[in-house]
Amino acid sequence: FGFAACTFLCFKSDSAHPYKAYSWVIFLWAAL
């Protein structure tokens, strides 16, 4: 979950993409 939260917020520094799909996939991965 640290990896998921940290990478998602770092990616969000790129304002050209919303990264919604990434957030769903990476947090689902962390949960599994």
PDB file of all heavy atoms in Angstrom:
ATOM      1  N   PHE A   1       0.820  -1.207   0.000  1.00  0.00           N
ATOM      2  CA  PHE A   1       0.000   0.000   0.000  1.00  0.00           C
ATOM      3  C   PHE A   1       0.856   1.261   0.000  1.00  0.00           C
ATOM      4  O   PHE A   1       0.450   2.292  -0.566  1.00  0.00           O
ATOM      5  CB  PHE A   1      -0.969  -0.011   1.179  1.00  0.00           C
ATOM      6  CG  PHE A   1      -2.227  -0.761   0.883  1.00  0.00           C
ATOM      7  CD1 PHE A   1      -2.364  -2.092   1.249  1.00  0.00           C
ATOM      8  CD2 PHE A   1      -3.281  -0.153   0.213  1.00  0.00           C
ATOM      9  CE1 PHE A   1      -3.524  -2.802   0.961  1.00  0.00           C
ATOM     10  CE2 PHE A   1      -4.448  -0.847  -0.084  1.00  0.00           C
ATOM     11  CZ  PHE A   1      -4.570  -2.178   0.296  1.00  0.00           C
ATOM     12  N   GLY A   2       2.037   1.213   0.614  1.00  0.00           N
ATOM     13  CA  GLY A   2       2.956   2.341   0.527  1.00  0.00           C
ATOM     14  C   GLY A   2       3.390   2.579  -0.907  1.00  0.00           C
ATOM     15  O   GLY A   2       3.406   3.723  -1.396  1.00  0.00           O
ATOM     16  N   PHE A   3       3.734   1.500  -1.608  1.00  0.00           N
ATOM     17  CA  PHE A   3       4.122   1.595  -3.014  1.00  0.00           C
ATOM     18  C   PHE A   3       2.971   2.138  -3.855  1.00  0.00           C
ATOM     19  O   PHE A   3       3.164   3.019  -4.699  1.00  0.00           O
ATOM     20  CB  PHE A   3       4.541   0.210  -3.522  1.00  0.00           C
ATOM     21  CG  PHE A   3       4.963   0.178  -4.962  1.00  0.00           C
ATOM     22  CD1 PHE A   3       6.258   0.525  -5.326  1.00  0.00           C
ATOM     23  CD2 PHE A   3       4.073  -0.208  -5.948  1.00  0.00           C
ATOM     24  CE1 PHE A   3       6.654   0.502  -6.658  1.00  0.00           C
ATOM     25  CE2 PHE A   3       4.453  -0.236  -7.280  1.00  0.00           C
ATOM     26  CZ  PHE A   3       5.748   0.112  -7.640  1.00  0.00           C
ATOM     27  N   ALA A   4       1.766   1.622  -3.624  1.00  0.00           N
ATOM     28  CA  ALA A   4       0.603   2.061  -4.389  1.00  0.00           C
ATOM     29  C   ALA A   4       0.330   3.553  -4.191  1.00  0.00           C
ATOM     30  O   ALA A   4       0.163   4.304  -5.165  1.00  0.00           O
ATOM     31  CB  ALA A   4      -0.625   1.240  -3.988  1.00  0.00           C
ATOM     32  N   ALA A   5       0.295   4.002  -2.934  1.00  0.00           N
ATOM     33  CA  ALA A   5      -0.010   5.404  -2.645  1.00  0.00           C
ATOM     34  C   ALA A   5       1.089   6.325  -3.160  1.00  0.00           C
ATOM     35  O   ALA A   5       0.810   7.375  -3.765  1.00  0.00           O
ATOM     36  CB  ALA A   5      -0.198   5.595  -1.142  1.00  0.00           C
ATOM     37  N   CYS A   6       2.335   5.936  -2.938  1.00  0.00           N
ATOM     38  CA  CYS A   6       3.462   6.792  -3.322  1.00  0.00           C
ATOM     39  C   CYS A   6       3.571   6.916  -4.834  1.00  0.00           C
ATOM     40  O   CYS A   6       3.738   8.018  -5.371  1.00  0.00           O
ATOM     41  CB  CYS A   6       4.753   6.223  -2.726  1.00  0.00           C
ATOM     42  SG  CYS A   6       6.110   7.403  -2.660  1.00  0.00           S
ATOM     43  N   THR A   7       3.469   5.799  -5.546  1.00  0.00           N
ATOM     44  CA  THR A   7       3.589   5.868  -7.006  1.00  0.00           C
ATOM     45  C   THR A   7       2.415   6.620  -7.626  1.00  0.00           C
ATOM     46  O   THR A   7       2.602   7.420  -8.547  1.00  0.00           O
ATOM     47  CB  THR A   7       3.684   4.458  -7.627  1.00  0.00           C
ATOM     48  OG1 THR A   7       2.560   3.666  -7.220  1.00  0.00           O
ATOM     49  CG2 THR A   7       4.962   3.759  -7.202  1.00  0.00           C
ATOM     50  N   PHE A   8       1.210   6.377  -7.120  1.00  0.00           N
ATOM     51  CA  PHE A   8       0.045   7.064  -7.676  1.00  0.00           C
ATOM     52  C   PHE A   8       0.175   8.575  -7.535  1.00  0.00           C
ATOM     53  O   PHE A   8      -0.042   9.327  -8.495  1.00  0.00           O
ATOM     54  CB  PHE A   8      -1.233   6.575  -7.002  1.00  0.00           C
ATOM     55  CG  PHE A   8      -2.453   7.356  -7.396  1.00  0.00           C
ATOM     56  CD1 PHE A   8      -2.902   7.346  -8.710  1.00  0.00           C
ATOM     57  CD2 PHE A   8      -3.142   8.108  -6.464  1.00  0.00           C
ATOM     58  CE1 PHE A   8      -4.026   8.075  -9.080  1.00  0.00           C
ATOM     59  CE2 PHE A   8      -4.266   8.831  -6.834  1.00  0.00           C
ATOM     60  CZ  PHE A   8      -4.710   8.823  -8.143  1.00  0.00           C
ATOM     61  N   LEU A   9       0.565   9.039  -6.352  1.00  0.00           N
ATOM     62  CA  LEU A   9       0.689  10.482  -6.141  1.00  0.00           C
ATOM     63  C   LEU A   9       1.852  11.076  -6.926  1.00  0.00           C
ATOM     64  O   LEU A   9       1.779  12.223  -7.387  1.00  0.00           O
ATOM     65  CB  LEU A   9       0.841  10.779  -4.648  1.00  0.00           C
ATOM     66  CG  LEU A   9      -0.430  10.598  -3.821  1.00  0.00           C
ATOM     67  CD1 LEU A   9      -0.147  10.800  -2.340  1.00  0.00           C
ATOM     68  CD2 LEU A   9      -1.527  11.554  -4.285  1.00  0.00           C
ATOM     69  N   CYS A  10       2.924  10.307  -7.100  1.00  0.00           N
ATOM     70  CA  CYS A  10       4.028  10.797  -7.933  1.00  0.00           C
ATOM     71  C   CYS A  10       3.592  10.910  -9.391  1.00  0.00           C
ATOM     72  O   CYS A  10       3.896  11.897 -10.067  1.00  0.00           O
ATOM     73  CB  CYS A  10       5.242   9.886  -7.799  1.00  0.00           C
ATOM     74  SG  CYS A  10       6.150  10.079  -6.245  1.00  0.00           S
ATOM     75  N   PHE A  11       2.884   9.909  -9.888  1.00  0.00           N
ATOM     76  CA  PHE A  11       2.365   9.981 -11.254  1.00  0.00           C
ATOM     77  C   PHE A  11       1.430  11.173 -11.439  1.00  0.00           C
ATOM     78  O   PHE A  11       1.376  11.778 -12.513  1.00  0.00           O
ATOM     79  CB  PHE A  11       1.617   8.694 -11.614  1.00  0.00           C
ATOM     80  CG  PHE A  11       2.479   7.612 -12.187  1.00  0.00           C
ATOM     81  CD1 PHE A  11       2.508   6.353 -11.598  1.00  0.00           C
ATOM     82  CD2 PHE A  11       3.252   7.834 -13.316  1.00  0.00           C
ATOM     83  CE1 PHE A  11       3.295   5.334 -12.129  1.00  0.00           C
ATOM     84  CE2 PHE A  11       4.050   6.834 -13.858  1.00  0.00           C
ATOM     85  CZ  PHE A  11       4.073   5.576 -13.270  1.00  0.00           C
ATOM     86  N   LYS A  12       0.680  11.528 -10.391  1.00  0.00           N
ATOM     87  CA  LYS A  12      -0.273  12.637 -10.493  1.00  0.00           C
ATOM     88  C   LYS A  12       0.421  13.979 -10.710  1.00  0.00           C
ATOM     89  O   LYS A  12      -0.243  14.974 -11.039  1.00  0.00           O
ATOM     90  CB  LYS A  12      -1.139  12.696  -9.235  1.00  0.00           C
ATOM     91  CG  LYS A  12      -2.139  11.552  -9.106  1.00  0.00           C
ATOM     92  CD  LYS A  12      -3.265  11.640 -10.103  1.00  0.00           C
ATOM     93  CE  LYS A  12      -4.275  12.689  -9.693  1.00  0.00           C
ATOM     94  NZ  LYS A  12      -5.423  12.726 -10.641  1.00  0.00           N
ATOM     95  N   SER A  13       1.747  14.020 -10.555  1.00  0.00           N
ATOM     96  CA  SER A  13       2.484  15.241 -10.883  1.00  0.00           C
ATOM     97  C   SER A  13       2.480  15.500 -12.380  1.00  0.00           C
ATOM     98  O   SER A  13       2.763  16.610 -12.824  1.00  0.00           O
ATOM     99  CB  SER A  13       3.937  15.145 -10.382  1.00  0.00           C
ATOM    100  OG  SER A  13       3.967  15.112  -8.975  1.00  0.00           O
ATOM    101  N   ASP A  14       2.181  14.482 -13.153  1.00  0.00           N
ATOM    102  CA  ASP A  14       1.994  14.614 -14.593  1.00  0.00           C
ATOM    103  C   ASP A  14       0.531  14.957 -14.844  1.00  0.00           C
ATOM    104  O   ASP A  14      -0.336  14.082 -14.825  1.00  0.00           O
ATOM    105  CB  ASP A  14       2.378  13.296 -15.281  1.00  0.00           C
ATOM    106  CG  ASP A  14       1.998  13.276 -16.746  1.00  0.00           C
ATOM    107  OD1 ASP A  14       1.887  14.363 -17.352  1.00  0.00           O
ATOM    108  OD2 ASP A  14       1.809  12.166 -17.286  1.00  0.00           O
ATOM    109  N   SER A  15       0.249  16.220 -15.067  1.00  0.00           N
ATOM    110  CA  SER A  15      -1.133  16.680 -15.199  1.00  0.00           C
ATOM    111  C   SER A  15      -1.774  16.318 -16.541  1.00  0.00           C
ATOM    112  O   SER A  15      -2.972  16.533 -16.737  1.00  0.00           O
ATOM    113  CB  SER A  15      -1.201  18.199 -15.000  1.00  0.00           C
ATOM    114  OG  SER A  15      -0.355  18.841 -15.945  1.00  0.00           O
ATOM    115  N   ALA A  16      -0.985  15.727 -17.442  1.00  0.00           N
ATOM    116  CA  ALA A  16      -1.521  15.376 -18.762  1.00  0.00           C
ATOM    117  C   ALA A  16      -2.404  14.134 -18.718  1.00  0.00           C
ATOM    118  O   ALA A  16      -3.174  13.883 -19.640  1.00  0.00           O
ATOM    119  CB  ALA A  16      -0.375  15.167 -19.755  1.00  0.00           C
ATOM    120  N   HIS A  17      -2.300  13.351 -17.653  1.00  0.00           N
ATOM    121  CA  HIS A  17      -3.061  12.108 -17.543  1.00  0.00           C
ATOM    122  C   HIS A  17      -3.713  12.021 -16.164  1.00  0.00           C
ATOM    123  O   HIS A  17      -3.098  12.395 -15.162  1.00  0.00           O
ATOM    124  CB  HIS A  17      -2.156  10.896 -17.751  1.00  0.00           C
ATOM    125  CG  HIS A  17      -1.483  10.886 -19.091  1.00  0.00           C
ATOM    126  ND1 HIS A  17      -2.101  10.438 -20.236  1.00  0.00           N
ATOM    127  CD2 HIS A  17      -0.248  11.301 -19.470  1.00  0.00           C
ATOM    128  CE1 HIS A  17      -1.269  10.561 -21.257  1.00  0.00           C
ATOM    129  NE2 HIS A  17      -0.144  11.085 -20.824  1.00  0.00           N
ATOM    130  N   PRO A  18      -4.930  11.474 -16.076  1.00  0.00           N
ATOM    131  CA  PRO A  18      -5.596  11.358 -14.768  1.00  0.00           C
ATOM    132  C   PRO A  18      -5.117  10.163 -13.946  1.00  0.00           C
ATOM    133  O   PRO A  18      -5.274  10.140 -12.728  1.00  0.00           O
ATOM    134  CB  PRO A  18      -7.075  11.204 -15.136  1.00  0.00           C
ATOM    135  CG  PRO A  18      -7.053  10.589 -16.500  1.00  0.00           C
ATOM    136  CD  PRO A  18      -5.833  11.145 -17.192  1.00  0.00           C
ATOM    137  N   TYR A  19      -4.611   9.115 -14.613  1.00  0.00           N
ATOM    138  CA  TYR A  19      -4.102   7.906 -13.952  1.00  0.00           C
ATOM    139  C   TYR A  19      -5.172   7.187 -13.132  1.00  0.00           C
ATOM    140  O   TYR A  19      -4.872   6.526 -12.139  1.00  0.00           O
ATOM    141  CB  TYR A  19      -2.875   8.219 -13.082  1.00  0.00           C
ATOM    142  CG  TYR A  19      -1.691   8.649 -13.907  1.00  0.00           C
ATOM    143  CD1 TYR A  19      -1.369   9.999 -14.050  1.00  0.00           C
ATOM    144  CD2 TYR A  19      -0.911   7.709 -14.569  1.00  0.00           C
ATOM    145  CE1 TYR A  19      -0.299  10.403 -14.833  1.00  0.00           C
ATOM    146  CE2 TYR A  19       0.165   8.097 -15.357  1.00  0.00           C
ATOM    147  CZ  TYR A  19       0.463   9.456 -15.491  1.00  0.00           C
ATOM    148  OH  TYR A  19       1.525   9.832 -16.280  1.00  0.00           O
ATOM    149  N   LYS A  20      -6.434   7.308 -13.554  1.00  0.00           N
ATOM    150  CA  LYS A  20      -7.507   6.606 -12.831  1.00  0.00           C
ATOM    151  C   LYS A  20      -7.364   5.091 -12.952  1.00  0.00           C
ATOM    152  O   LYS A  20      -7.539   4.364 -11.971  1.00  0.00           O
ATOM    153  CB  LYS A  20      -8.870   7.051 -13.357  1.00  0.00           C
ATOM    154  CG  LYS A  20      -9.269   8.463 -12.930  1.00  0.00           C
ATOM    155  CD  LYS A  20     -10.665   8.806 -13.430  1.00  0.00           C
ATOM    156  CE  LYS A  20     -11.058  10.209 -12.990  1.00  0.00           C
ATOM    157  NZ  LYS A  20     -12.402  10.582 -13.502  1.00  0.00           N
ATOM    158  N   ALA A  21      -7.061   4.623 -14.161  1.00  0.00           N
ATOM    159  CA  ALA A  21      -6.901   3.177 -14.361  1.00  0.00           C
ATOM    160  C   ALA A  21      -5.746   2.648 -13.520  1.00  0.00           C
ATOM    161  O   ALA A  21      -5.846   1.581 -12.899  1.00  0.00           O
ATOM    162  CB  ALA A  21      -6.676   2.860 -15.839  1.00  0.00           C
ATOM    163  N   TYR A  22      -4.662   3.416 -13.475  1.00  0.00           N
ATOM    164  CA  TYR A  22      -3.512   2.987 -12.673  1.00  0.00           C
ATOM    165  C   TYR A  22      -3.893   2.883 -11.203  1.00  0.00           C
ATOM    166  O   TYR A  22      -3.507   1.930 -10.517  1.00  0.00           O
ATOM    167  CB  TYR A  22      -2.337   3.961 -12.842  1.00  0.00           C
ATOM    168  CG  TYR A  22      -1.152   3.567 -11.991  1.00  0.00           C
ATOM    169  CD1 TYR A  22      -0.299   2.547 -12.402  1.00  0.00           C
ATOM    170  CD2 TYR A  22      -0.896   4.177 -10.766  1.00  0.00           C
ATOM    171  CE1 TYR A  22       0.775   2.155 -11.628  1.00  0.00           C
ATOM    172  CE2 TYR A  22       0.173   3.796  -9.981  1.00  0.00           C
ATOM    173  CZ  TYR A  22       1.003   2.784 -10.409  1.00  0.00           C
ATOM    174  OH  TYR A  22       2.061   2.386  -9.624  1.00  0.00           O
ATOM    175  N   SER A  23      -4.666   3.860 -10.713  1.00  0.00           N
ATOM    176  CA  SER A  23      -5.040   3.843  -9.291  1.00  0.00           C
ATOM    177  C   SER A  23      -5.858   2.599  -8.959  1.00  0.00           C
ATOM    178  O   SER A  23      -5.643   1.958  -7.933  1.00  0.00           O
ATOM    179  CB  SER A  23      -5.804   5.108  -8.920  1.00  0.00           C
ATOM    180  OG  SER A  23      -7.088   5.130  -9.512  1.00  0.00           O
ATOM    181  N   TRP A  24      -6.823   2.238  -9.836  1.00  0.00           N
ATOM    182  CA  TRP A  24      -7.626   1.041  -9.599  1.00  0.00           C
ATOM    183  C   TRP A  24      -6.763  -0.215  -9.607  1.00  0.00           C
ATOM    184  O   TRP A  24      -6.884  -1.066  -8.720  1.00  0.00           O
ATOM    185  CB  TRP A  24      -8.717   0.914 -10.675  1.00  0.00           C
ATOM    186  CG  TRP A  24      -9.891   1.800 -10.423  1.00  0.00           C
ATOM    187  CD1 TRP A  24     -10.171   2.999 -11.018  1.00  0.00           C
ATOM    188  CD2 TRP A  24     -10.949   1.584  -9.482  1.00  0.00           C
ATOM    189  NE1 TRP A  24     -11.338   3.538 -10.522  1.00  0.00           N
ATOM    190  CE2 TRP A  24     -11.841   2.693  -9.577  1.00  0.00           C
ATOM    191  CE3 TRP A  24     -11.242   0.570  -8.577  1.00  0.00           C
ATOM    192  CZ2 TRP A  24     -12.991   2.806  -8.804  1.00  0.00           C
ATOM    193  CZ3 TRP A  24     -12.400   0.685  -7.810  1.00  0.00           C
ATOM    194  CH2 TRP A  24     -13.247   1.784  -7.923  1.00  0.00           C
ATOM    195  N   VAL A  25      -5.891  -0.322 -10.593  1.00  0.00           N
ATOM    196  CA  VAL A  25      -5.069  -1.533 -10.734  1.00  0.00           C
ATOM    197  C   VAL A  25      -4.084  -1.658  -9.584  1.00  0.00           C
ATOM    198  O   VAL A  25      -3.950  -2.733  -8.979  1.00  0.00           O
ATOM    199  CB  VAL A  25      -4.331  -1.522 -12.093  1.00  0.00           C
ATOM    200  CG1 VAL A  25      -3.281  -2.637 -12.146  1.00  0.00           C
ATOM    201  CG2 VAL A  25      -5.318  -1.674 -13.238  1.00  0.00           C
ATOM    202  N   ILE A  26      -3.392  -0.577  -9.236  1.00  0.00           N
ATOM    203  CA  ILE A  26      -2.316  -0.682  -8.249  1.00  0.00           C
ATOM    204  C   ILE A  26      -2.877  -0.890  -6.836  1.00  0.00           C
ATOM    205  O   ILE A  26      -2.287  -1.627  -6.026  1.00  0.00           O
ATOM    206  CB  ILE A  26      -1.374   0.546  -8.309  1.00  0.00           C
ATOM    207  CG1 ILE A  26      -0.013   0.197  -7.701  1.00  0.00           C
ATOM    208  CG2 ILE A  26      -1.972   1.772  -7.648  1.00  0.00           C
ATOM    209  CD1 ILE A  26       0.771  -0.854  -8.431  1.00  0.00           C
ATOM    210  N   PHE A  27      -4.026  -0.307  -6.529  1.00  0.00           N
ATOM    211  CA  PHE A  27      -4.605  -0.529  -5.204  1.00  0.00           C
ATOM    212  C   PHE A  27      -5.278  -1.896  -5.105  1.00  0.00           C
ATOM    213  O   PHE A  27      -5.278  -2.513  -4.032  1.00  0.00           O
ATOM    214  CB  PHE A  27      -5.557   0.604  -4.817  1.00  0.00           C
ATOM    215  CG  PHE A  27      -4.846   1.830  -4.320  1.00  0.00           C
ATOM    216  CD1 PHE A  27      -4.658   2.929  -5.145  1.00  0.00           C
ATOM    217  CD2 PHE A  27      -4.318   1.871  -3.041  1.00  0.00           C
ATOM    218  CE1 PHE A  27      -3.974   4.058  -4.698  1.00  0.00           C
ATOM    219  CE2 PHE A  27      -3.631   2.995  -2.571  1.00  0.00           C
ATOM    220  CZ  PHE A  27      -3.456   4.090  -3.412  1.00  0.00           C
ATOM    221  N   LEU A  28      -5.821  -2.391  -6.217  1.00  0.00           N
ATOM    222  CA  LEU A  28      -6.328  -3.764  -6.231  1.00  0.00           C
ATOM    223  C   LEU A  28      -5.179  -4.750  -6.035  1.00  0.00           C
ATOM    224  O   LEU A  28      -5.298  -5.711  -5.274  1.00  0.00           O
ATOM    225  CB  LEU A  28      -7.049  -4.047  -7.547  1.00  0.00           C
ATOM    226  CG  LEU A  28      -7.549  -5.485  -7.737  1.00  0.00           C
ATOM    227  CD1 LEU A  28      -8.553  -5.868  -6.653  1.00  0.00           C
ATOM    228  CD2 LEU A  28      -8.153  -5.664  -9.131  1.00  0.00           C
ATOM    229  N   TRP A  29      -4.067  -4.487  -6.712  1.00  0.00           N
ATOM    230  CA  TRP A  29      -2.865  -5.320  -6.539  1.00  0.00           C
ATOM    231  C   TRP A  29      -2.426  -5.326  -5.073  1.00  0.00           C
ATOM    232  O   TRP A  29      -2.141  -6.392  -4.509  1.00  0.00           O
ATOM    233  CB  TRP A  29      -1.748  -4.795  -7.441  1.00  0.00           C
ATOM    234  CG  TRP A  29      -0.403  -5.347  -7.110  1.00  0.00           C
ATOM    235  CD1 TRP A  29       0.108  -6.565  -7.482  1.00  0.00           C
ATOM    236  CD2 TRP A  29       0.610  -4.711  -6.319  1.00  0.00           C
ATOM    237  NE1 TRP A  29       1.375  -6.718  -6.973  1.00  0.00           N
ATOM    238  CE2 TRP A  29       1.710  -5.608  -6.260  1.00  0.00           C
ATOM    239  CE3 TRP A  29       0.711  -3.491  -5.664  1.00  0.00           C
ATOM    240  CZ2 TRP A  29       2.886  -5.305  -5.563  1.00  0.00           C
ATOM    241  CZ3 TRP A  29       1.878  -3.176  -4.976  1.00  0.00           C
ATOM    242  CH2 TRP A  29       2.938  -4.079  -4.927  1.00  0.00           C
ATOM    243  N   ALA A  30      -2.371  -4.147  -4.460  1.00  0.00           N
ATOM    244  CA  ALA A  30      -1.950  -4.044  -3.060  1.00  0.00           C
ATOM    245  C   ALA A  30      -2.897  -4.823  -2.151  1.00  0.00           C
ATOM    246  O   ALA A  30      -2.461  -5.498  -1.206  1.00  0.00           O
ATOM    247  CB  ALA A  30      -1.884  -2.575  -2.631  1.00  0.00           C
ATOM    248  N   ALA A  31      -4.199  -4.740  -2.430  1.00  0.00           N
ATOM    249  CA  ALA A  31      -5.185  -5.474  -1.625  1.00  0.00           C
ATOM    250  C   ALA A  31      -4.997  -6.982  -1.762  1.00  0.00           C
ATOM    251  O   ALA A  31      -5.061  -7.723  -0.764  1.00  0.00           O
ATOM    252  CB  ALA A  31      -6.597  -5.069  -2.032  1.00  0.00           C
ATOM    253  N   LEU A  32      -4.754  -7.464  -2.978  1.00  0.00           N
ATOM    254  CA  LEU A  32      -4.570  -8.900  -3.188  1.00  0.00           C
ATOM    255  C   LEU A  32      -3.281  -9.400  -2.540  1.00  0.00           C
ATOM    256  O   LEU A  32      -3.256 -10.490  -1.952  1.00  0.00           O
ATOM    257  CB  LEU A  32      -4.579  -9.214  -4.681  1.00  0.00           C
ATOM    258  CG  LEU A  32      -5.943  -9.109  -5.365  1.00  0.00           C
ATOM    259  CD1 LEU A  32      -5.802  -9.217  -6.876  1.00  0.00           C
ATOM    260  CD2 LEU A  32      -6.894 -10.181  -4.831  1.00  0.00           C
TER     261      LEU A  32
END
